[in-house]
Amino acid sequence: KYQKTNSKIDRLLIVVSPMEYKIYPFYTTHYLEKGFENIAEILNTADKKVTKNTLIRLHDSYRVKRGEYFINKYFDNKSLNIDFGLQSFQKVRNNSKLTFFNYDSTGILENLSLNYPTICMWDDFENNISEDFIDKYKILIEAKILFLRRADSINHINKIWDNIDEWWFDNKTQSCIEKFN
């Protein structure tokens, strides 16, 4: 099981959805745009102590010309650490205080099963989750792991940043994680 966070680590890891990560018979780039808008808002409005060491983990698919569009549009003029998946996910997660996912990733499930502090937020929640799992994911909302509004996620990150263990190891949070798992 995960041990208490290392107070010397002061990094937020933001894991970004791959380009066209869902196969649909319709155009889905607007989901990517919304995801990047959410990340940009976090970077622009969260406390600087949270964002100063942020690592943006982009999928290798962003290394192509089309990916440069998103990087330039949302991260231009910012001195950010960007990783294109060259380091293992386990390594960057272990060297981060908190992992934020901007899409419904199996990484969320892995982090929760290993009990690593995790937050996620994506738009159009009910359109992106099968009806069979809506109630299951509402458990994560109750635990303040899944957020449906970007302002709520930013406020929560700011609130817990100085003592993530207090929130993560709270009986309610751990009970919700156990129930979700």
C-alpha atoms as a PDB file:
ATOM      1  CA  LYS A   1       0.000   0.000   0.000  1.00  0.00           C
ATOM      2  CA  TYR A   2       0.946   3.589  -0.617  1.00  0.00           C
ATOM      3  CA  GLN A   3       2.812   5.293   2.195  1.00  0.00           C
ATOM      4  CA  LYS A   4       2.324   8.853   3.351  1.00  0.00           C
ATOM      5  CA  THR A   5       3.489  11.427   0.839  1.00  0.00           C
ATOM      6  CA  ASN A   6       7.099  12.513   0.877  1.00  0.00           C
ATOM      7  CA  SER A   7       6.970  16.131   2.017  1.00  0.00           C
ATOM      8  CA  LYS A   8      10.064  16.888  -0.061  1.00  0.00           C
ATOM      9  CA  ILE A   9       8.152  16.145  -3.278  1.00  0.00           C
ATOM     10  CA  ASP A  10       6.283  19.213  -4.429  1.00  0.00           C
ATOM     11  CA  ARG A  11       5.093  18.265  -7.912  1.00  0.00           C
ATOM     12  CA  LEU A  12       1.669  18.139  -9.500  1.00  0.00           C
ATOM     13  CA  LEU A  13       1.515  15.602 -12.311  1.00  0.00           C
ATOM     14  CA  ILE A  14      -1.099  16.374 -14.976  1.00  0.00           C
ATOM     15  CA  VAL A  15      -1.864  13.446 -17.281  1.00  0.00           C
ATOM     16  CA  VAL A  16      -3.436  14.558 -20.555  1.00  0.00           C
ATOM     17  CA  SER A  17      -5.676  12.434 -22.744  1.00  0.00           C
ATOM     18  CA  PRO A  18      -4.107  11.121 -25.950  1.00  0.00           C
ATOM     19  CA  MET A  19      -5.289  12.688 -29.178  1.00  0.00           C
ATOM     20  CA  GLU A  20      -8.417  10.937 -30.398  1.00  0.00           C
ATOM     21  CA  TYR A  21      -8.337   8.519 -27.480  1.00  0.00           C
ATOM     22  CA  LYS A  22     -11.919   7.437 -28.067  1.00  0.00           C
ATOM     23  CA  ILE A  23     -13.142   5.969 -31.319  1.00  0.00           C
ATOM     24  CA  TYR A  24     -16.453   7.489 -32.327  1.00  0.00           C
ATOM     25  CA  PRO A  25     -18.219   7.871 -35.657  1.00  0.00           C
ATOM     26  CA  PHE A  26     -18.150  11.644 -35.075  1.00  0.00           C
ATOM     27  CA  TYR A  27     -15.620  14.418 -34.501  1.00  0.00           C
ATOM     28  CA  THR A  28     -14.270  14.465 -30.913  1.00  0.00           C
ATOM     29  CA  THR A  29     -11.535  17.112 -30.953  1.00  0.00           C
ATOM     30  CA  HIS A  30     -13.782  19.386 -28.873  1.00  0.00           C
ATOM     31  CA  TYR A  31     -13.133  17.019 -25.924  1.00  0.00           C
ATOM     32  CA  LEU A  32      -9.399  17.599 -26.339  1.00  0.00           C
ATOM     33  CA  GLU A  33      -9.960  21.356 -26.470  1.00  0.00           C
ATOM     34  CA  LYS A  34     -12.067  21.299 -23.304  1.00  0.00           C
ATOM     35  CA  GLY A  35      -9.448  19.168 -21.561  1.00  0.00           C
ATOM     36  CA  PHE A  36      -6.691  21.602 -22.478  1.00  0.00           C
ATOM     37  CA  GLU A  37      -8.833  24.554 -21.411  1.00  0.00           C
ATOM     38  CA  ASN A  38      -9.263  22.898 -18.015  1.00  0.00           C
ATOM     39  CA  ILE A  39      -5.519  22.375 -17.662  1.00  0.00           C
ATOM     40  CA  ALA A  40      -4.745  25.931 -18.751  1.00  0.00           C
ATOM     41  CA  GLU A  41      -7.206  27.228 -16.159  1.00  0.00           C
ATOM     42  CA  ILE A  42      -5.543  25.151 -13.437  1.00  0.00           C
ATOM     43  CA  LEU A  43      -2.117  26.447 -14.446  1.00  0.00           C
ATOM     44  CA  ASN A  44      -3.352  30.051 -14.570  1.00  0.00           C
ATOM     45  CA  THR A  45      -5.449  30.178 -11.394  1.00  0.00           C
ATOM     46  CA  ALA A  46      -4.201  27.584  -8.912  1.00  0.00           C
ATOM     47  CA  ASP A  47      -1.786  28.756  -6.234  1.00  0.00           C
ATOM     48  CA  LYS A  48       1.719  29.204  -7.601  1.00  0.00           C
ATOM     49  CA  LYS A  49       3.035  26.803  -4.949  1.00  0.00           C
ATOM     50  CA  VAL A  50       0.929  24.137  -6.670  1.00  0.00           C
ATOM     51  CA  THR A  51       1.827  24.932 -10.254  1.00  0.00           C
ATOM     52  CA  LYS A  52       5.498  25.907  -9.964  1.00  0.00           C
ATOM     53  CA  ASN A  53       6.787  22.325 -10.399  1.00  0.00           C
ATOM     54  CA  THR A  54       3.965  20.913 -12.482  1.00  0.00           C
ATOM     55  CA  LEU A  55       4.822  18.147 -14.933  1.00  0.00           C
ATOM     56  CA  ILE A  56       2.523  17.876 -17.947  1.00  0.00           C
ATOM     57  CA  ARG A  57       2.501  14.308 -19.239  1.00  0.00           C
ATOM     58  CA  LEU A  58       1.461  14.234 -22.855  1.00  0.00           C
ATOM     59  CA  HIS A  59       0.963  11.085 -24.857  1.00  0.00           C
ATOM     60  CA  ASP A  60       3.545  10.393 -27.545  1.00  0.00           C
ATOM     61  CA  SER A  61       0.816  11.240 -30.101  1.00  0.00           C
ATOM     62  CA  TYR A  62       1.396  14.953 -29.351  1.00  0.00           C
ATOM     63  CA  ARG A  63       4.890  14.833 -30.847  1.00  0.00           C
ATOM     64  CA  VAL A  64       3.429  15.076 -34.360  1.00  0.00           C
ATOM     65  CA  LYS A  65       2.632  18.333 -36.156  1.00  0.00           C
ATOM     66  CA  ARG A  66      -1.027  18.285 -35.060  1.00  0.00           C
ATOM     67  CA  GLY A  67       0.068  17.944 -31.450  1.00  0.00           C
ATOM     68  CA  GLU A  68       2.181  21.079 -31.721  1.00  0.00           C
ATOM     69  CA  TYR A  69      -1.045  23.028 -32.272  1.00  0.00           C
ATOM     70  CA  PHE A  70      -2.306  22.134 -28.771  1.00  0.00           C
ATOM     71  CA  ILE A  71       1.067  22.676 -27.114  1.00  0.00           C
ATOM     72  CA  ASN A  72       1.512  26.100 -28.710  1.00  0.00           C
ATOM     73  CA  LYS A  73      -2.071  27.166 -28.102  1.00  0.00           C
ATOM     74  CA  TYR A  74      -2.287  26.191 -24.430  1.00  0.00           C
ATOM     75  CA  PHE A  75       1.277  26.118 -23.144  1.00  0.00           C
ATOM     76  CA  ASP A  76       3.056  28.767 -25.210  1.00  0.00           C
ATOM     77  CA  ASN A  77       4.896  31.382 -23.164  1.00  0.00           C
ATOM     78  CA  LYS A  78       4.893  29.157 -20.110  1.00  0.00           C
ATOM     79  CA  SER A  79       7.978  27.513 -18.752  1.00  0.00           C
ATOM     80  CA  LEU A  80       6.584  24.063 -18.131  1.00  0.00           C
ATOM     81  CA  ASN A  81       8.024  20.643 -17.726  1.00  0.00           C
ATOM     82  CA  ILE A  82       6.499  18.510 -20.469  1.00  0.00           C
ATOM     83  CA  ASP A  83       7.035  14.766 -20.701  1.00  0.00           C
ATOM     84  CA  PHE A  84       5.949  12.855 -23.817  1.00  0.00           C
ATOM     85  CA  GLY A  85       5.900   9.522 -22.024  1.00  0.00           C
ATOM     86  CA  LEU A  86       9.659   9.079 -22.184  1.00  0.00           C
ATOM     87  CA  GLN A  87       9.795   8.299 -18.468  1.00  0.00           C
ATOM     88  CA  SER A  88       7.722   5.470 -17.072  1.00  0.00           C
ATOM     89  CA  PHE A  89       4.384   6.453 -15.594  1.00  0.00           C
ATOM     90  CA  GLN A  90       5.378   4.779 -12.330  1.00  0.00           C
ATOM     91  CA  LYS A  91       8.496   6.931 -12.089  1.00  0.00           C
ATOM     92  CA  VAL A  92       6.735  10.252 -12.706  1.00  0.00           C
ATOM     93  CA  ARG A  93       3.867   9.262 -10.400  1.00  0.00           C
ATOM     94  CA  ASN A  94       6.272   8.285  -7.628  1.00  0.00           C
ATOM     95  CA  ASN A  95       7.996  11.653  -7.991  1.00  0.00           C
ATOM     96  CA  SER A  96       4.735  13.590  -7.719  1.00  0.00           C
ATOM     97  CA  LYS A  97       2.646  14.688  -4.784  1.00  0.00           C
ATOM     98  CA  LEU A  98      -0.666  14.466  -6.638  1.00  0.00           C
ATOM     99  CA  THR A  99      -1.757  13.125 -10.030  1.00  0.00           C
ATOM    100  CA  PHE A 100      -4.468  14.923 -11.996  1.00  0.00           C
ATOM    101  CA  PHE A 101      -6.127  13.189 -14.975  1.00  0.00           C
ATOM    102  CA  ASN A 102      -8.130  15.211 -17.487  1.00  0.00           C
ATOM    103  CA  TYR A 103      -9.886  12.131 -18.883  1.00  0.00           C
ATOM    104  CA  ASP A 104     -11.250   8.783 -17.717  1.00  0.00           C
ATOM    105  CA  SER A 105      -8.026   6.823 -17.788  1.00  0.00           C
ATOM    106  CA  THR A 106      -7.059   3.352 -16.638  1.00  0.00           C
ATOM    107  CA  GLY A 107      -4.320   5.282 -14.837  1.00  0.00           C
ATOM    108  CA  ILE A 108      -7.000   6.501 -12.426  1.00  0.00           C
ATOM    109  CA  LEU A 109      -7.978   2.916 -11.684  1.00  0.00           C
ATOM    110  CA  GLU A 110      -4.327   1.945 -11.208  1.00  0.00           C
ATOM    111  CA  ASN A 111      -3.646   4.885  -8.905  1.00  0.00           C
ATOM    112  CA  LEU A 112      -6.728   4.149  -6.810  1.00  0.00           C
ATOM    113  CA  SER A 113      -5.888   0.460  -6.528  1.00  0.00           C
ATOM    114  CA  LEU A 114      -2.370   1.384  -5.375  1.00  0.00           C
ATOM    115  CA  ASN A 115      -3.731   4.211  -3.179  1.00  0.00           C
ATOM    116  CA  TYR A 116      -1.851   7.132  -4.768  1.00  0.00           C
ATOM    117  CA  PRO A 117      -3.392  10.597  -4.338  1.00  0.00           C
ATOM    118  CA  THR A 118      -5.394  11.246  -7.480  1.00  0.00           C
ATOM    119  CA  ILE A 119      -7.818  13.837  -8.774  1.00  0.00           C
ATOM    120  CA  CYS A 120      -9.648  13.780 -12.073  1.00  0.00           C
ATOM    121  CA  MET A 121     -11.957  16.046 -13.965  1.00  0.00           C
ATOM    122  CA  TRP A 122     -13.512  15.847 -17.376  1.00  0.00           C
ATOM    123  CA  ASP A 123     -16.392  17.491 -19.131  1.00  0.00           C
ATOM    124  CA  ASP A 124     -19.676  15.918 -20.116  1.00  0.00           C
ATOM    125  CA  PHE A 125     -19.446  13.350 -17.351  1.00  0.00           C
ATOM    126  CA  GLU A 126     -22.745  11.609 -18.008  1.00  0.00           C
ATOM    127  CA  ASN A 127     -22.063  11.422 -21.744  1.00  0.00           C
ATOM    128  CA  ASN A 128     -18.678   9.798 -21.179  1.00  0.00           C
ATOM    129  CA  ILE A 129     -19.604   7.165 -18.601  1.00  0.00           C
ATOM    130  CA  SER A 130     -21.772   4.169 -19.267  1.00  0.00           C
ATOM    131  CA  GLU A 131     -25.057   4.305 -17.370  1.00  0.00           C
ATOM    132  CA  ASP A 132     -23.990   1.088 -15.639  1.00  0.00           C
ATOM    133  CA  PHE A 133     -21.125   2.949 -13.945  1.00  0.00           C
ATOM    134  CA  ILE A 134     -22.590   6.399 -13.160  1.00  0.00           C
ATOM    135  CA  ASP A 135     -23.343   5.456  -9.538  1.00  0.00           C
ATOM    136  CA  LYS A 136     -19.876   3.941  -9.154  1.00  0.00           C
ATOM    137  CA  TYR A 137     -18.201   7.162 -10.320  1.00  0.00           C
ATOM    138  CA  LYS A 138     -20.432   9.229  -8.019  1.00  0.00           C
ATOM    139  CA  ILE A 139     -18.494   7.596  -5.184  1.00  0.00           C
ATOM    140  CA  LEU A 140     -15.400   9.388  -6.500  1.00  0.00           C
ATOM    141  CA  ILE A 141     -17.333  12.665  -6.570  1.00  0.00           C
ATOM    142  CA  GLU A 142     -18.266  12.136  -2.929  1.00  0.00           C
ATOM    143  CA  ALA A 143     -14.588  11.567  -2.058  1.00  0.00           C
ATOM    144  CA  LYS A 144     -13.541  14.742  -3.905  1.00  0.00           C
ATOM    145  CA  ILE A 145     -11.486  12.706  -6.345  1.00  0.00           C
ATOM    146  CA  LEU A 146     -13.664  13.301  -9.406  1.00  0.00           C
ATOM    147  CA  PHE A 147     -14.810  16.814 -10.200  1.00  0.00           C
ATOM    148  CA  LEU A 148     -17.383  17.983 -12.700  1.00  0.00           C
ATOM    149  CA  ARG A 149     -16.465  21.673 -12.568  1.00  0.00           C
ATOM    150  CA  ARG A 150     -12.989  23.045 -13.063  1.00  0.00           C
ATOM    151  CA  ALA A 151     -13.355  25.733 -10.351  1.00  0.00           C
ATOM    152  CA  ASP A 152     -14.208  23.039  -7.801  1.00  0.00           C
ATOM    153  CA  SER A 153     -11.143  20.993  -8.742  1.00  0.00           C
ATOM    154  CA  ILE A 154      -8.858  24.037  -8.518  1.00  0.00           C
ATOM    155  CA  ASN A 155     -10.275  25.060  -5.134  1.00  0.00           C
ATOM    156  CA  HIS A 156      -9.808  21.531  -3.829  1.00  0.00           C
ATOM    157  CA  ILE A 157      -6.220  21.266  -5.056  1.00  0.00           C
ATOM    158  CA  ASN A 158      -5.392  24.626  -3.454  1.00  0.00           C
ATOM    159  CA  LYS A 159      -7.041  23.553  -0.200  1.00  0.00           C
ATOM    160  CA  ILE A 160      -5.286  20.181   0.159  1.00  0.00           C
ATOM    161  CA  TRP A 161      -1.876  20.984  -1.353  1.00  0.00           C
ATOM    162  CA  ASP A 162      -0.049  21.679   1.906  1.00  0.00           C
ATOM    163  CA  ASN A 163      -1.334  18.483   3.509  1.00  0.00           C
ATOM    164  CA  ILE A 164      -2.554  15.985   0.928  1.00  0.00           C
ATOM    165  CA  ASP A 165      -2.326  13.137   3.423  1.00  0.00           C
ATOM    166  CA  GLU A 166      -4.988  14.737   5.625  1.00  0.00           C
ATOM    167  CA  TRP A 167      -7.506  14.544   2.765  1.00  0.00           C
ATOM    168  CA  TRP A 168      -6.276  11.327   1.135  1.00  0.00           C
ATOM    169  CA  PHE A 169      -6.050   9.274   4.328  1.00  0.00           C
ATOM    170  CA  ASP A 170      -9.244  10.660   5.800  1.00  0.00           C
ATOM    171  CA  ASN A 171     -11.608   7.816   6.721  1.00  0.00           C
ATOM    172  CA  LYS A 172     -14.287   9.057   4.319  1.00  0.00           C
ATOM    173  CA  THR A 173     -11.879   9.307   1.374  1.00  0.00           C
ATOM    174  CA  GLN A 174     -10.360   5.902   2.021  1.00  0.00           C
ATOM    175  CA  SER A 175     -13.790   4.340   2.513  1.00  0.00           C
ATOM    176  CA  CYS A 176     -14.963   5.750  -0.830  1.00  0.00           C
ATOM    177  CA  ILE A 177     -11.834   4.473  -2.570  1.00  0.00           C
ATOM    178  CA  GLU A 178     -12.337   1.031  -1.088  1.00  0.00           C
ATOM    179  CA  LYS A 179     -16.002   1.039  -2.149  1.00  0.00           C
ATOM    180  CA  PHE A 180     -15.094   2.209  -5.665  1.00  0.00           C
ATOM    181  CA  ASN A 181     -12.344  -0.394  -6.030  1.00  0.00           C
END
